[in-house]
Amino acid sequence: MFNFIKKFFRDRKKSEQSKDQVMICHVVDGPIERGEFDERSLYDAGVPPELQWCLYASVVYEGEYTTEPLWFETLEEAEVLVNHFKTSINPIIMEF
């Protein structure tokens, strides 16, 4: 389910010494359907066509706290994250 998210951060890795993990702290916005975005900008950003739903989430990666778009194939997958943060303040830590 989180394969594209792991690949997204792995491709942004700045050095080989960096920890291979991302901490998702909370959902800022979404889920947003792919049709709400300009298809050309999605292509330029490397978002595969099979990913249909986006969440904007606060994440910590390589010591930086940012808001990032996280893409999912189905609405149900995106709602897993939304529902987690409706009932918990614990971050989700993904290692890759």
N, C-alpha and C. Protein backbone atom coordinates (compact mmCIF):
# COMPACT_ATOMS: atom_id res chain seq x y z
N MET A 1 0.81 -1.19 0.00
CA MET A 1 0.00 0.00 0.00
C MET A 1 0.86 1.27 0.00
N PHE A 2 1.96 1.28 0.71
CA PHE A 2 2.78 2.48 0.81
C PHE A 2 3.99 2.43 -0.11
N ASN A 3 3.99 1.57 -1.10
CA ASN A 3 5.17 1.40 -1.96
C ASN A 3 5.55 2.67 -2.69
N PHE A 4 4.58 3.41 -3.24
CA PHE A 4 4.92 4.63 -3.96
C PHE A 4 5.48 5.68 -3.00
N ILE A 5 4.93 5.75 -1.80
CA ILE A 5 5.43 6.73 -0.82
C ILE A 5 6.88 6.40 -0.46
N LYS A 6 7.17 5.13 -0.24
CA LYS A 6 8.54 4.73 0.06
C LYS A 6 9.48 5.08 -1.08
N LYS A 7 9.06 4.80 -2.32
CA LYS A 7 9.88 5.11 -3.49
C LYS A 7 10.08 6.63 -3.61
N PHE A 8 9.03 7.40 -3.37
CA PHE A 8 9.11 8.85 -3.46
C PHE A 8 10.21 9.39 -2.54
N PHE A 9 10.25 8.93 -1.30
CA PHE A 9 11.25 9.43 -0.36
C PHE A 9 12.61 8.81 -0.63
N ARG A 10 12.67 7.55 -1.03
CA ARG A 10 13.95 6.91 -1.34
C ARG A 10 14.64 7.66 -2.47
N ASP A 11 13.88 8.09 -3.48
CA ASP A 11 14.46 8.81 -4.61
C ASP A 11 14.97 10.20 -4.21
N ARG A 12 14.47 10.76 -3.12
CA ARG A 12 14.89 12.09 -2.66
C ARG A 12 16.03 12.03 -1.66
N LYS A 13 16.46 10.85 -1.31
CA LYS A 13 17.49 10.66 -0.29
C LYS A 13 18.75 11.45 -0.66
N LYS A 14 19.26 12.22 0.30
CA LYS A 14 20.39 13.10 0.04
C LYS A 14 21.75 12.40 0.19
N SER A 15 21.83 11.41 1.09
CA SER A 15 23.11 10.73 1.27
C SER A 15 22.87 9.29 1.69
N GLU A 16 23.86 8.48 1.48
CA GLU A 16 23.77 7.07 1.85
C GLU A 16 23.75 6.88 3.37
N GLN A 17 24.22 7.87 4.13
CA GLN A 17 24.23 7.78 5.58
C GLN A 17 22.87 8.10 6.19
N SER A 18 21.97 8.65 5.42
CA SER A 18 20.66 9.03 5.94
C SER A 18 19.87 7.80 6.36
N LYS A 19 19.05 8.00 7.40
CA LYS A 19 18.15 6.93 7.82
C LYS A 19 17.14 6.68 6.73
N ASP A 20 16.82 5.42 6.52
CA ASP A 20 15.83 5.05 5.52
C ASP A 20 14.46 4.98 6.17
N GLN A 21 13.96 6.12 6.63
CA GLN A 21 12.63 6.14 7.22
C GLN A 21 12.00 7.51 7.05
N VAL A 22 10.68 7.50 7.04
CA VAL A 22 9.92 8.74 7.00
C VAL A 22 8.87 8.64 8.10
N MET A 23 8.64 9.74 8.79
CA MET A 23 7.64 9.77 9.84
C MET A 23 6.48 10.65 9.37
N ILE A 24 5.30 10.04 9.24
CA ILE A 24 4.10 10.78 8.87
C ILE A 24 3.45 11.24 10.16
N CYS A 25 3.35 12.56 10.33
CA CYS A 25 2.90 13.13 11.60
C CYS A 25 1.39 13.37 11.66
N HIS A 26 0.81 13.85 10.57
CA HIS A 26 -0.64 14.00 10.51
C HIS A 26 -1.06 14.39 9.09
N VAL A 27 -2.35 14.23 8.81
CA VAL A 27 -2.90 14.59 7.50
C VAL A 27 -3.35 16.04 7.56
N VAL A 28 -2.90 16.83 6.59
CA VAL A 28 -3.24 18.25 6.52
C VAL A 28 -4.49 18.45 5.66
N ASP A 29 -4.59 17.71 4.54
CA ASP A 29 -5.71 17.88 3.62
C ASP A 29 -5.91 16.60 2.82
N GLY A 30 -7.16 16.35 2.46
CA GLY A 30 -7.46 15.22 1.60
C GLY A 30 -8.35 14.21 2.29
N PRO A 31 -8.71 13.21 1.55
CA PRO A 31 -8.22 12.81 0.25
C PRO A 31 -8.78 13.67 -0.89
N ILE A 32 -7.93 13.85 -1.90
CA ILE A 32 -8.27 14.65 -3.07
C ILE A 32 -8.15 13.75 -4.30
N GLU A 33 -9.18 13.74 -5.12
CA GLU A 33 -9.18 12.89 -6.32
C GLU A 33 -8.24 13.45 -7.38
N ARG A 34 -7.61 12.56 -8.11
CA ARG A 34 -6.64 12.94 -9.14
C ARG A 34 -7.19 13.97 -10.12
N GLY A 35 -8.47 13.89 -10.46
CA GLY A 35 -9.08 14.80 -11.42
C GLY A 35 -9.04 16.26 -11.00
N GLU A 36 -8.77 16.53 -9.73
CA GLU A 36 -8.68 17.90 -9.24
C GLU A 36 -7.34 18.56 -9.57
N PHE A 37 -6.38 17.77 -10.07
CA PHE A 37 -5.04 18.26 -10.38
C PHE A 37 -4.86 18.38 -11.89
N ASP A 38 -3.97 19.25 -12.30
CA ASP A 38 -3.59 19.36 -13.71
C ASP A 38 -2.76 18.13 -14.08
N GLU A 39 -3.20 17.41 -15.09
CA GLU A 39 -2.54 16.15 -15.47
C GLU A 39 -1.08 16.37 -15.89
N ARG A 40 -0.80 17.48 -16.51
CA ARG A 40 0.58 17.75 -16.93
C ARG A 40 1.50 17.91 -15.72
N SER A 41 1.03 18.60 -14.68
CA SER A 41 1.86 18.78 -13.48
C SER A 41 2.09 17.44 -12.78
N LEU A 42 1.09 16.56 -12.82
CA LEU A 42 1.27 15.22 -12.23
C LEU A 42 2.31 14.43 -13.01
N TYR A 43 2.25 14.53 -14.32
CA TYR A 43 3.23 13.84 -15.17
C TYR A 43 4.63 14.36 -14.88
N ASP A 44 4.76 15.68 -14.81
CA ASP A 44 6.07 16.30 -14.53
C ASP A 44 6.60 15.90 -13.16
N ALA A 45 5.70 15.68 -12.19
CA ALA A 45 6.11 15.29 -10.84
C ALA A 45 6.38 13.79 -10.74
N GLY A 46 6.10 13.05 -11.80
CA GLY A 46 6.36 11.61 -11.79
C GLY A 46 5.31 10.78 -11.09
N VAL A 47 4.09 11.30 -10.98
CA VAL A 47 3.01 10.56 -10.33
C VAL A 47 2.41 9.59 -11.35
N PRO A 48 2.56 8.28 -11.13
CA PRO A 48 2.03 7.29 -12.08
C PRO A 48 0.51 7.40 -12.23
N PRO A 49 -0.01 7.07 -13.41
CA PRO A 49 -1.46 7.21 -13.66
C PRO A 49 -2.34 6.32 -12.79
N GLU A 50 -1.80 5.25 -12.25
CA GLU A 50 -2.62 4.36 -11.41
C GLU A 50 -2.90 4.94 -10.02
N LEU A 51 -2.16 5.97 -9.64
CA LEU A 51 -2.38 6.61 -8.33
C LEU A 51 -3.47 7.66 -8.48
N GLN A 52 -4.59 7.47 -7.79
CA GLN A 52 -5.79 8.26 -8.02
C GLN A 52 -6.18 9.20 -6.87
N TRP A 53 -5.59 9.02 -5.69
CA TRP A 53 -5.99 9.81 -4.52
C TRP A 53 -4.77 10.38 -3.82
N CYS A 54 -4.87 11.64 -3.40
CA CYS A 54 -3.76 12.33 -2.76
C CYS A 54 -4.16 12.81 -1.37
N LEU A 55 -3.23 12.68 -0.45
CA LEU A 55 -3.34 13.32 0.86
C LEU A 55 -2.13 14.24 1.00
N TYR A 56 -2.34 15.39 1.57
CA TYR A 56 -1.21 16.22 1.97
C TYR A 56 -0.97 15.94 3.45
N ALA A 57 0.26 15.57 3.77
CA ALA A 57 0.57 15.18 5.13
C ALA A 57 1.84 15.87 5.61
N SER A 58 1.90 16.13 6.90
CA SER A 58 3.12 16.64 7.52
C SER A 58 4.02 15.44 7.79
N VAL A 59 5.24 15.54 7.30
CA VAL A 59 6.18 14.44 7.44
C VAL A 59 7.52 14.96 7.93
N VAL A 60 8.28 14.06 8.53
CA VAL A 60 9.67 14.34 8.88
C VAL A 60 10.52 13.36 8.08
N TYR A 61 11.40 13.92 7.27
CA TYR A 61 12.31 13.09 6.47
C TYR A 61 13.67 13.76 6.46
N GLU A 62 14.69 12.99 6.80
CA GLU A 62 16.07 13.48 6.89
C GLU A 62 16.16 14.73 7.77
N GLY A 63 15.40 14.72 8.86
CA GLY A 63 15.44 15.81 9.82
C GLY A 63 14.66 17.05 9.43
N GLU A 64 13.98 17.02 8.28
CA GLU A 64 13.21 18.18 7.83
C GLU A 64 11.72 17.90 7.98
N TYR A 65 11.01 18.87 8.55
CA TYR A 65 9.56 18.79 8.74
C TYR A 65 8.91 19.55 7.59
N THR A 66 8.17 18.84 6.72
CA THR A 66 7.55 19.47 5.56
C THR A 66 6.15 18.91 5.34
N THR A 67 5.41 19.54 4.46
CA THR A 67 4.13 19.01 4.01
C THR A 67 4.33 18.45 2.62
N GLU A 68 3.95 17.19 2.44
CA GLU A 68 4.19 16.50 1.18
C GLU A 68 2.90 15.87 0.66
N PRO A 69 2.76 15.76 -0.68
CA PRO A 69 1.64 15.01 -1.23
C PRO A 69 1.95 13.52 -1.18
N LEU A 70 1.05 12.74 -0.66
CA LEU A 70 1.19 11.28 -0.60
C LEU A 70 0.10 10.68 -1.48
N TRP A 71 0.47 9.84 -2.42
CA TRP A 71 -0.47 9.31 -3.42
C TRP A 71 -0.82 7.85 -3.17
N PHE A 72 -2.07 7.51 -3.49
CA PHE A 72 -2.60 6.17 -3.26
C PHE A 72 -3.41 5.73 -4.47
N GLU A 73 -3.48 4.41 -4.66
CA GLU A 73 -4.27 3.87 -5.77
C GLU A 73 -5.76 3.98 -5.51
N THR A 74 -6.19 3.75 -4.27
CA THR A 74 -7.63 3.74 -3.98
C THR A 74 -7.96 4.69 -2.83
N LEU A 75 -9.22 5.07 -2.79
CA LEU A 75 -9.71 5.90 -1.70
C LEU A 75 -9.57 5.17 -0.37
N GLU A 76 -9.81 3.88 -0.38
CA GLU A 76 -9.72 3.09 0.86
C GLU A 76 -8.31 3.13 1.44
N GLU A 77 -7.30 3.08 0.58
CA GLU A 77 -5.91 3.15 1.07
C GLU A 77 -5.63 4.51 1.71
N ALA A 78 -6.09 5.58 1.07
CA ALA A 78 -5.88 6.92 1.62
C ALA A 78 -6.60 7.08 2.95
N GLU A 79 -7.79 6.50 3.05
CA GLU A 79 -8.56 6.63 4.28
C GLU A 79 -7.94 5.88 5.45
N VAL A 80 -7.07 4.92 5.20
CA VAL A 80 -6.35 4.25 6.29
C VAL A 80 -5.56 5.29 7.08
N LEU A 81 -4.85 6.16 6.38
CA LEU A 81 -4.09 7.21 7.07
C LEU A 81 -5.01 8.21 7.75
N VAL A 82 -6.05 8.66 7.05
CA VAL A 82 -6.99 9.62 7.62
C VAL A 82 -7.59 9.06 8.91
N ASN A 83 -8.05 7.83 8.87
CA ASN A 83 -8.68 7.22 10.04
C ASN A 83 -7.70 7.00 11.18
N HIS A 84 -6.45 6.70 10.85
CA HIS A 84 -5.44 6.54 11.90
C HIS A 84 -5.33 7.83 12.71
N PHE A 85 -5.23 8.97 12.02
CA PHE A 85 -5.03 10.23 12.72
C PHE A 85 -6.32 10.81 13.31
N LYS A 86 -7.47 10.24 12.99
CA LYS A 86 -8.70 10.63 13.67
C LYS A 86 -8.75 10.06 15.08
N THR A 87 -8.04 8.95 15.30
CA THR A 87 -8.11 8.27 16.59
C THR A 87 -6.78 8.23 17.33
N SER A 88 -5.71 8.77 16.73
CA SER A 88 -4.40 8.66 17.36
C SER A 88 -3.54 9.87 17.01
N ILE A 89 -2.69 10.26 17.95
CA ILE A 89 -1.71 11.31 17.68
C ILE A 89 -0.34 10.70 17.39
N ASN A 90 -0.24 9.39 17.45
CA ASN A 90 1.03 8.71 17.19
C ASN A 90 1.38 8.78 15.72
N PRO A 91 2.61 9.17 15.38
CA PRO A 91 3.00 9.20 13.98
C PRO A 91 3.14 7.78 13.42
N ILE A 92 3.12 7.71 12.12
CA ILE A 92 3.39 6.45 11.43
C ILE A 92 4.81 6.53 10.92
N ILE A 93 5.62 5.57 11.29
CA ILE A 93 7.02 5.55 10.86
C ILE A 93 7.16 4.43 9.84
N MET A 94 7.61 4.83 8.63
CA MET A 94 7.81 3.86 7.56
C MET A 94 9.31 3.72 7.31
N GLU A 95 9.76 2.50 7.33
CA GLU A 95 11.16 2.22 7.02
C GLU A 95 11.23 1.55 5.67
N PHE A 96 12.29 1.86 4.94
CA PHE A 96 12.47 1.26 3.61
C PHE A 96 13.91 1.03 3.32
